């Protein structure tokens, strides 16, 4: 059967269903049928999820723009956590990129790291090795920087992603605070 004829049969069937007496509540509904999608070959697309600092849990001090990380590491107050369900459309084999959008209050070099923990229902807590960003140099007070961390797909295969963000206080010269403004997760999705 020709592709165009299949689309008309589907449309005619939907019109008949919507007009049926048992579907009286469906009258006057608009049904949008993307005719070209059924012919599109499966493929990949890059998706980005963006989380503001207010969407992260943390014991660190909060500012009007984000979460403030001091240069002194104190476990209870020096981390930010994001817990999400693994994206359903992630292809499961491509790398995952984390971007941390920050603003320093003083000058000097610094970096962050993320611990990629993941769990399935019923699992118990297991710690993960830290994966660092590159060292970034804050050359002016109040400068914005992006810290990028990449993970292999094998780092996060389970259903619940528990990402812990921390400042690496041992590898930089910046002694001032750095504010985490937001966090982005980029992955490849199947469509």
Protein backbone atom coordinates (compact mmCIF):
# COMPACT_ATOMS: atom_id res chain seq x y z
CA UNK A 1 0.00 0.00 0.00
CA UNK A 2 1.31 3.44 -0.82
CA UNK A 3 2.49 5.53 2.18
CA UNK A 4 0.05 8.37 1.50
CA UNK A 5 -2.90 5.95 1.42
CA UNK A 6 -1.91 4.57 4.87
CA UNK A 7 -1.98 8.08 6.31
CA UNK A 8 -5.48 8.73 4.92
CA UNK A 9 -6.74 5.43 6.35
CA UNK A 10 -5.38 6.39 9.79
CA UNK A 11 -6.99 9.83 9.56
CA UNK A 12 -10.34 8.37 8.43
CA UNK A 13 -10.24 5.85 11.28
CA UNK A 14 -9.56 8.60 13.85
CA UNK A 15 -12.39 10.75 12.47
CA UNK A 16 -14.76 7.76 12.73
CA UNK A 17 -13.70 7.06 16.31
CA UNK A 18 -14.03 10.69 17.38
CA UNK A 19 -17.49 10.89 15.78
CA UNK A 20 -18.78 7.70 17.45
CA UNK A 21 -21.60 8.15 20.01
CA UNK A 22 -19.52 6.47 22.73
CA UNK A 23 -16.93 9.22 22.34
CA UNK A 24 -19.26 12.17 22.72
CA UNK A 25 -16.74 13.92 24.97
CA UNK A 26 -14.19 13.76 22.19
CA UNK A 27 -16.20 16.03 19.86
CA UNK A 28 -14.54 19.32 19.02
CA UNK A 29 -11.08 17.98 19.91
CA UNK A 30 -8.20 18.77 17.62
CA UNK A 31 -6.07 15.78 16.70
CA UNK A 32 -2.64 16.54 15.26
CA UNK A 33 -1.07 13.72 13.28
CA UNK A 34 2.51 14.34 12.15
CA UNK A 35 2.29 12.54 8.81
CA UNK A 36 6.03 12.49 8.10
CA UNK A 37 7.21 11.00 11.42
CA UNK A 38 6.25 7.43 10.59
CA UNK A 39 8.61 7.50 7.64
CA UNK A 40 11.57 8.99 9.53
CA UNK A 41 14.39 6.53 10.15
CA UNK A 42 15.35 5.99 13.79
CA UNK A 43 18.29 8.14 14.77
CA UNK A 44 20.12 10.01 17.49
CA UNK A 45 19.78 13.52 18.85
CA UNK A 46 21.69 15.38 21.57
CA UNK A 47 19.61 16.54 24.54
CA UNK A 48 20.52 18.82 27.44
CA UNK A 49 18.82 18.96 30.83
CA UNK A 50 19.48 22.17 32.80
CA UNK A 51 19.13 22.41 36.58
CA UNK A 52 19.37 25.68 38.49
CA UNK A 53 21.29 25.67 41.76
CA UNK A 54 17.97 25.92 43.61
CA UNK A 55 17.06 22.46 42.24
CA UNK A 56 20.14 20.85 43.80
CA UNK A 57 20.24 19.73 47.42
CA UNK A 58 23.16 21.00 49.44
CA UNK A 59 24.34 21.86 52.93
CA UNK A 60 26.60 24.55 51.47
CA UNK A 61 25.74 28.21 51.90
CA UNK A 62 23.21 29.60 49.45
CA UNK A 63 23.45 32.98 47.77
CA UNK A 64 20.85 34.86 45.76
CA UNK A 65 22.30 33.29 42.59
CA UNK A 66 23.43 29.80 43.61
CA UNK A 67 25.39 27.57 45.98
CA UNK A 68 28.60 28.99 47.44
CA UNK A 69 31.58 26.65 47.69
CA UNK A 70 34.33 27.87 50.01
CA UNK A 71 37.98 26.90 49.60
CA UNK A 72 37.78 24.80 52.78
CA UNK A 73 36.44 21.29 52.33
CA UNK A 74 33.91 20.36 55.00
CA UNK A 75 32.03 17.19 53.96
CA UNK A 76 28.65 18.21 55.37
CA UNK A 77 28.63 21.64 53.70
CA UNK A 78 30.84 21.32 50.61
CA UNK A 79 28.76 19.29 48.19
CA UNK A 80 25.68 19.67 46.02
CA UNK A 81 23.56 16.69 45.00
CA UNK A 82 21.32 16.04 42.05
CA UNK A 83 19.20 12.89 42.10
CA UNK A 84 17.21 12.13 38.94
CA UNK A 85 15.75 9.17 37.11
CA UNK A 86 17.97 8.14 34.20
CA UNK A 87 16.55 9.82 31.06
CA UNK A 88 14.29 7.29 29.36
CA UNK A 89 15.48 8.29 25.89
CA UNK A 90 19.23 8.05 26.62
CA UNK A 91 20.73 5.56 24.17
CA UNK A 92 22.61 3.81 26.99
CA UNK A 93 25.94 3.68 25.15
CA UNK A 94 27.03 7.26 24.52
CA UNK A 95 29.03 9.42 26.96
CA UNK A 96 27.36 11.83 29.37
CA UNK A 97 28.63 15.40 29.73
CA UNK A 98 28.17 17.46 32.89
CA UNK A 99 28.69 21.21 32.75
CA UNK A 100 28.91 23.29 35.91
CA UNK A 101 28.29 27.01 35.40
CA UNK A 102 30.12 28.98 38.06
CA UNK A 103 31.14 32.47 39.16
CA UNK A 104 34.24 33.15 41.24
CA UNK A 105 34.48 36.00 43.71
CA UNK A 106 38.28 36.26 43.49
CA UNK A 107 41.09 35.30 41.13
CA UNK A 108 43.07 32.06 40.86
CA UNK A 109 42.80 28.59 39.37
CA UNK A 110 40.34 25.95 40.47
CA UNK A 111 38.40 22.87 39.43
CA UNK A 112 35.38 20.80 40.44
CA UNK A 113 34.64 17.10 40.37
CA UNK A 114 31.53 14.94 40.21
CA UNK A 115 30.97 11.53 41.79
CA UNK A 116 28.70 9.56 39.40
CA UNK A 117 26.69 7.28 41.65
CA UNK A 118 23.79 5.25 40.32
CA UNK A 119 21.34 2.83 41.87
CA UNK A 120 18.51 0.47 41.03
CA UNK A 121 15.53 -0.09 43.32
CA UNK A 122 16.70 -2.01 46.39
CA UNK A 123 20.42 -1.20 46.04
CA UNK A 124 22.40 0.02 49.03
CA UNK A 125 24.71 3.03 49.05
CA UNK A 126 28.01 2.67 47.21
CA UNK A 127 30.50 5.51 46.82
CA UNK A 128 31.99 6.40 43.44
CA UNK A 129 35.37 7.70 42.37
CA UNK A 130 35.53 11.41 41.65
CA UNK A 131 35.83 12.48 38.00
CA UNK A 132 37.45 15.94 37.79
CA UNK A 133 36.94 18.82 35.43
CA UNK A 134 39.91 20.57 33.92
CA UNK A 135 41.54 23.35 35.93
CA UNK A 136 40.01 26.73 35.08
CA UNK A 137 41.62 30.07 35.79
CA UNK A 138 39.52 32.91 37.21
CA UNK A 139 41.47 35.95 36.02
CA UNK A 140 39.06 38.62 37.30
CA UNK A 141 36.81 39.01 40.31
CA UNK A 142 33.26 37.91 39.50
CA UNK A 143 34.28 35.99 36.36
CA UNK A 144 32.02 33.25 34.96
CA UNK A 145 33.53 29.86 34.08
CA UNK A 146 32.21 26.51 32.85
CA UNK A 147 33.68 23.32 34.30
CA UNK A 148 33.09 20.26 32.07
CA UNK A 149 33.18 16.63 33.22
CA UNK A 150 32.66 13.66 30.88
CA UNK A 151 31.56 10.16 31.85
CA UNK A 152 31.55 6.93 29.89
CA UNK A 153 28.16 5.25 29.59
CA UNK A 154 29.40 2.48 31.89
CA UNK A 155 29.56 5.00 34.77
CA UNK A 156 25.77 5.42 34.98
CA UNK A 157 23.96 2.28 33.72
CA UNK A 158 21.35 2.07 36.51
CA UNK A 159 17.91 3.69 36.84
CA UNK A 160 18.62 6.37 39.48
CA UNK A 161 21.43 8.85 38.96
CA UNK A 162 22.87 10.36 42.16
CA UNK A 163 25.41 12.99 41.09
CA UNK A 164 27.51 14.69 43.76
CA UNK A 165 29.29 17.94 42.86
CA UNK A 166 32.27 19.06 44.92
CA UNK A 167 34.98 21.70 44.62
CA UNK A 168 38.50 20.28 44.42
CA UNK A 169 40.13 22.46 47.06
CA UNK A 170 43.56 20.83 46.67
CA UNK A 171 44.31 21.58 43.02
CA UNK A 172 43.97 25.32 42.61
CA UNK A 173 45.21 28.68 43.79
CA UNK A 174 41.83 30.37 44.20
CA UNK A 175 41.26 30.99 47.90
CA UNK A 176 37.90 32.78 47.52
CA UNK A 177 34.41 31.38 47.21
CA UNK A 178 33.02 30.02 43.93
CA UNK A 179 29.29 30.04 43.32
CA UNK A 180 27.68 27.16 41.43
CA UNK A 181 24.93 28.80 39.37
CA UNK A 182 23.53 25.83 37.46
CA UNK A 183 24.30 22.38 36.13
CA UNK A 184 23.66 20.86 32.70
CA UNK A 185 23.58 17.19 31.69
CA UNK A 186 24.01 16.48 27.97
CA UNK A 187 23.46 13.01 26.51
CA UNK A 188 22.61 11.33 23.21
CA UNK A 189 19.01 10.20 22.87
CA UNK A 190 17.33 7.72 20.56
CA UNK A 191 14.33 8.95 18.63
